[in-house]
Amino acid sequence: MQDIYYRAGEWAAPGQPIVSILPIENIKVRFFVPETRLGALKIGQRVEIQCDGCPAAVSATIRFISTTAEYTPPIL
């Protein structure tokens, strides 16, 4: 993951950062699970995440499970 401070055509001063890259352990993924599958997941469990455009699956650990129902945003 990255933060971009400037876009094409913008000017940056010499020595000023133009991009910040996060270490892999600081990247977070939010995903939604059907209620029927929620009981099979627990905090600390390892999961594999796949996405379009990713060269391979990425291993991750579940760190948080919401205690209230959340719904997939309609913009996905």
N, C-alpha and C. Protein backbone atom coordinates (compact mmCIF):
# COMPACT_ATOMS: atom_id res chain seq x y z
N MET A 1 0.85 -1.17 0.00
CA MET A 1 0.00 0.00 0.00
C MET A 1 0.89 1.23 0.00
N GLN A 2 0.30 2.32 -0.42
CA GLN A 2 1.10 3.53 -0.55
C GLN A 2 0.24 4.76 -0.38
N ASP A 3 0.85 5.86 0.02
CA ASP A 3 0.23 7.17 0.01
C ASP A 3 0.95 7.97 -1.05
N ILE A 4 0.21 8.63 -1.90
CA ILE A 4 0.80 9.45 -2.95
C ILE A 4 0.61 10.90 -2.55
N TYR A 5 1.69 11.65 -2.44
CA TYR A 5 1.63 13.03 -2.04
C TYR A 5 1.47 13.98 -3.23
N TYR A 6 1.91 13.56 -4.40
CA TYR A 6 1.83 14.39 -5.60
C TYR A 6 1.34 13.54 -6.77
N ARG A 7 0.68 14.15 -7.70
CA ARG A 7 0.20 13.50 -8.92
C ARG A 7 0.99 14.04 -10.11
N ALA A 8 0.88 13.36 -11.24
CA ALA A 8 1.57 13.78 -12.46
C ALA A 8 1.22 15.23 -12.77
N GLY A 9 2.25 16.02 -13.04
CA GLY A 9 2.05 17.43 -13.35
C GLY A 9 2.23 18.35 -12.16
N GLU A 10 2.20 17.82 -10.95
CA GLU A 10 2.42 18.64 -9.75
C GLU A 10 3.92 18.74 -9.49
N TRP A 11 4.32 19.81 -8.82
CA TRP A 11 5.73 20.04 -8.52
C TRP A 11 6.05 19.68 -7.08
N ALA A 12 7.17 19.00 -6.87
CA ALA A 12 7.67 18.68 -5.53
C ALA A 12 9.03 19.35 -5.35
N ALA A 13 9.26 19.86 -4.17
CA ALA A 13 10.55 20.50 -3.87
C ALA A 13 11.63 19.43 -3.79
N PRO A 14 12.88 19.77 -4.14
CA PRO A 14 13.98 18.81 -4.03
C PRO A 14 14.08 18.26 -2.60
N GLY A 15 14.26 16.96 -2.49
CA GLY A 15 14.41 16.31 -1.19
C GLY A 15 13.10 16.05 -0.46
N GLN A 16 11.98 16.43 -1.05
CA GLN A 16 10.68 16.22 -0.42
C GLN A 16 10.11 14.87 -0.83
N PRO A 17 9.54 14.11 0.11
CA PRO A 17 8.99 12.79 -0.26
C PRO A 17 7.83 12.94 -1.23
N ILE A 18 7.71 11.98 -2.12
CA ILE A 18 6.59 11.98 -3.08
C ILE A 18 5.70 10.76 -2.92
N VAL A 19 6.19 9.74 -2.21
CA VAL A 19 5.38 8.54 -1.97
C VAL A 19 5.83 7.91 -0.65
N SER A 20 4.89 7.26 0.05
CA SER A 20 5.19 6.56 1.29
C SER A 20 4.67 5.14 1.14
N ILE A 21 5.52 4.16 1.38
CA ILE A 21 5.14 2.76 1.22
C ILE A 21 5.05 2.10 2.59
N LEU A 22 3.93 1.44 2.86
CA LEU A 22 3.73 0.76 4.13
C LEU A 22 4.42 -0.60 4.13
N PRO A 23 4.97 -1.00 5.26
CA PRO A 23 5.47 -2.37 5.36
C PRO A 23 4.29 -3.34 5.28
N ILE A 24 4.52 -4.51 4.75
CA ILE A 24 3.46 -5.50 4.52
C ILE A 24 2.65 -5.79 5.79
N GLU A 25 3.26 -5.77 6.96
CA GLU A 25 2.53 -6.09 8.20
C GLU A 25 1.55 -4.99 8.60
N ASN A 26 1.61 -3.83 7.98
CA ASN A 26 0.69 -2.74 8.30
C ASN A 26 -0.46 -2.58 7.30
N ILE A 27 -0.53 -3.46 6.33
CA ILE A 27 -1.61 -3.41 5.35
C ILE A 27 -2.82 -4.16 5.91
N LYS A 28 -3.99 -3.55 5.81
CA LYS A 28 -5.21 -4.14 6.35
C LYS A 28 -6.21 -4.40 5.22
N VAL A 29 -6.98 -5.45 5.37
CA VAL A 29 -8.03 -5.80 4.42
C VAL A 29 -9.33 -5.92 5.20
N ARG A 30 -10.37 -5.28 4.69
CA ARG A 30 -11.69 -5.41 5.30
C ARG A 30 -12.53 -6.26 4.36
N PHE A 31 -13.13 -7.31 4.91
CA PHE A 31 -13.97 -8.15 4.07
C PHE A 31 -15.24 -8.52 4.82
N PHE A 32 -16.25 -8.86 4.05
CA PHE A 32 -17.56 -9.19 4.60
C PHE A 32 -17.83 -10.67 4.38
N VAL A 33 -18.42 -11.30 5.39
CA VAL A 33 -18.66 -12.74 5.37
C VAL A 33 -20.15 -12.98 5.58
N PRO A 34 -20.75 -13.88 4.81
CA PRO A 34 -22.16 -14.22 5.04
C PRO A 34 -22.34 -14.76 6.46
N GLU A 35 -23.47 -14.46 7.07
CA GLU A 35 -23.74 -14.89 8.44
C GLU A 35 -23.61 -16.40 8.61
N THR A 36 -23.95 -17.15 7.58
CA THR A 36 -23.87 -18.60 7.67
C THR A 36 -22.43 -19.11 7.77
N ARG A 37 -21.43 -18.29 7.41
CA ARG A 37 -20.03 -18.71 7.47
C ARG A 37 -19.28 -18.06 8.63
N LEU A 38 -19.91 -17.08 9.29
CA LEU A 38 -19.25 -16.33 10.35
C LEU A 38 -18.79 -17.21 11.50
N GLY A 39 -19.56 -18.20 11.87
CA GLY A 39 -19.22 -19.07 12.99
C GLY A 39 -17.95 -19.88 12.77
N ALA A 40 -17.50 -20.00 11.54
CA ALA A 40 -16.29 -20.76 11.24
C ALA A 40 -15.02 -19.91 11.38
N LEU A 41 -15.18 -18.62 11.63
CA LEU A 41 -14.03 -17.73 11.73
C LEU A 41 -13.80 -17.29 13.17
N LYS A 42 -12.53 -17.08 13.53
CA LYS A 42 -12.21 -16.60 14.87
C LYS A 42 -10.98 -15.71 14.82
N ILE A 43 -10.86 -14.84 15.79
CA ILE A 43 -9.70 -13.96 15.88
C ILE A 43 -8.43 -14.81 16.05
N GLY A 44 -7.39 -14.44 15.31
CA GLY A 44 -6.14 -15.19 15.34
C GLY A 44 -6.03 -16.23 14.25
N GLN A 45 -7.15 -16.52 13.60
CA GLN A 45 -7.17 -17.53 12.53
C GLN A 45 -6.46 -16.99 11.29
N ARG A 46 -5.71 -17.85 10.62
CA ARG A 46 -5.05 -17.50 9.36
C ARG A 46 -6.03 -17.67 8.21
N VAL A 47 -6.00 -16.74 7.28
CA VAL A 47 -6.83 -16.80 6.08
C VAL A 47 -5.97 -16.45 4.87
N GLU A 48 -6.44 -16.81 3.70
CA GLU A 48 -5.79 -16.41 2.46
C GLU A 48 -6.70 -15.45 1.73
N ILE A 49 -6.12 -14.37 1.24
CA ILE A 49 -6.87 -13.34 0.53
C ILE A 49 -6.45 -13.35 -0.92
N GLN A 50 -7.43 -13.36 -1.81
CA GLN A 50 -7.17 -13.31 -3.25
C GLN A 50 -7.87 -12.08 -3.81
N CYS A 51 -7.26 -11.46 -4.79
CA CYS A 51 -7.89 -10.29 -5.41
C CYS A 51 -7.54 -10.24 -6.90
N ASP A 52 -8.40 -9.57 -7.64
CA ASP A 52 -8.14 -9.38 -9.07
C ASP A 52 -6.85 -8.57 -9.23
N GLY A 53 -6.00 -9.01 -10.10
CA GLY A 53 -4.76 -8.28 -10.35
C GLY A 53 -3.62 -8.66 -9.42
N CYS A 54 -3.89 -9.43 -8.39
CA CYS A 54 -2.82 -9.87 -7.48
C CYS A 54 -2.17 -11.10 -8.08
N PRO A 55 -0.84 -11.17 -8.06
CA PRO A 55 -0.17 -12.32 -8.67
C PRO A 55 -0.41 -13.64 -7.93
N ALA A 56 -0.64 -13.57 -6.62
CA ALA A 56 -0.85 -14.79 -5.84
C ALA A 56 -1.67 -14.45 -4.59
N ALA A 57 -2.18 -15.48 -3.95
CA ALA A 57 -2.92 -15.28 -2.69
C ALA A 57 -1.97 -14.76 -1.63
N VAL A 58 -2.51 -13.96 -0.70
CA VAL A 58 -1.73 -13.39 0.40
C VAL A 58 -2.25 -13.97 1.70
N SER A 59 -1.36 -14.42 2.55
CA SER A 59 -1.74 -14.96 3.85
C SER A 59 -1.96 -13.81 4.83
N ALA A 60 -3.01 -13.92 5.66
CA ALA A 60 -3.33 -12.87 6.64
C ALA A 60 -3.86 -13.52 7.91
N THR A 61 -3.96 -12.72 8.96
CA THR A 61 -4.50 -13.16 10.24
C THR A 61 -5.69 -12.30 10.61
N ILE A 62 -6.78 -12.91 11.05
CA ILE A 62 -7.96 -12.16 11.48
C ILE A 62 -7.64 -11.51 12.82
N ARG A 63 -7.76 -10.18 12.87
CA ARG A 63 -7.46 -9.43 14.09
C ARG A 63 -8.72 -8.83 14.75
N PHE A 64 -9.81 -8.75 13.99
CA PHE A 64 -11.03 -8.12 14.50
C PHE A 64 -12.24 -8.73 13.81
N ILE A 65 -13.28 -9.00 14.58
CA ILE A 65 -14.57 -9.42 14.05
C ILE A 65 -15.61 -8.54 14.72
N SER A 66 -16.38 -7.83 13.92
CA SER A 66 -17.39 -6.92 14.45
C SER A 66 -18.44 -7.68 15.24
N THR A 67 -18.92 -7.08 16.32
CA THR A 67 -19.98 -7.70 17.13
C THR A 67 -21.36 -7.31 16.63
N THR A 68 -21.42 -6.37 15.68
CA THR A 68 -22.69 -5.98 15.09
C THR A 68 -22.67 -6.25 13.59
N ALA A 69 -23.85 -6.44 13.05
CA ALA A 69 -23.96 -6.71 11.61
C ALA A 69 -23.51 -5.50 10.81
N GLU A 70 -22.74 -5.76 9.77
CA GLU A 70 -22.32 -4.71 8.84
C GLU A 70 -22.66 -5.23 7.45
N TYR A 71 -22.85 -4.33 6.55
CA TYR A 71 -23.28 -4.73 5.21
C TYR A 71 -22.31 -4.23 4.17
N THR A 72 -22.14 -5.01 3.11
CA THR A 72 -21.26 -4.64 2.03
C THR A 72 -21.74 -3.33 1.42
N PRO A 73 -20.87 -2.33 1.32
CA PRO A 73 -21.26 -1.07 0.70
C PRO A 73 -21.70 -1.30 -0.75
N PRO A 74 -22.69 -0.57 -1.21
CA PRO A 74 -23.19 -0.78 -2.58
C PRO A 74 -22.21 -0.37 -3.66
N ILE A 75 -21.12 0.32 -3.31
CA ILE A 75 -20.17 0.78 -4.33
C ILE A 75 -19.14 -0.26 -4.70
N LEU A 76 -19.15 -1.44 -4.08
CA LEU A 76 -18.17 -2.46 -4.40
C LEU A 76 -18.39 -3.05 -5.74
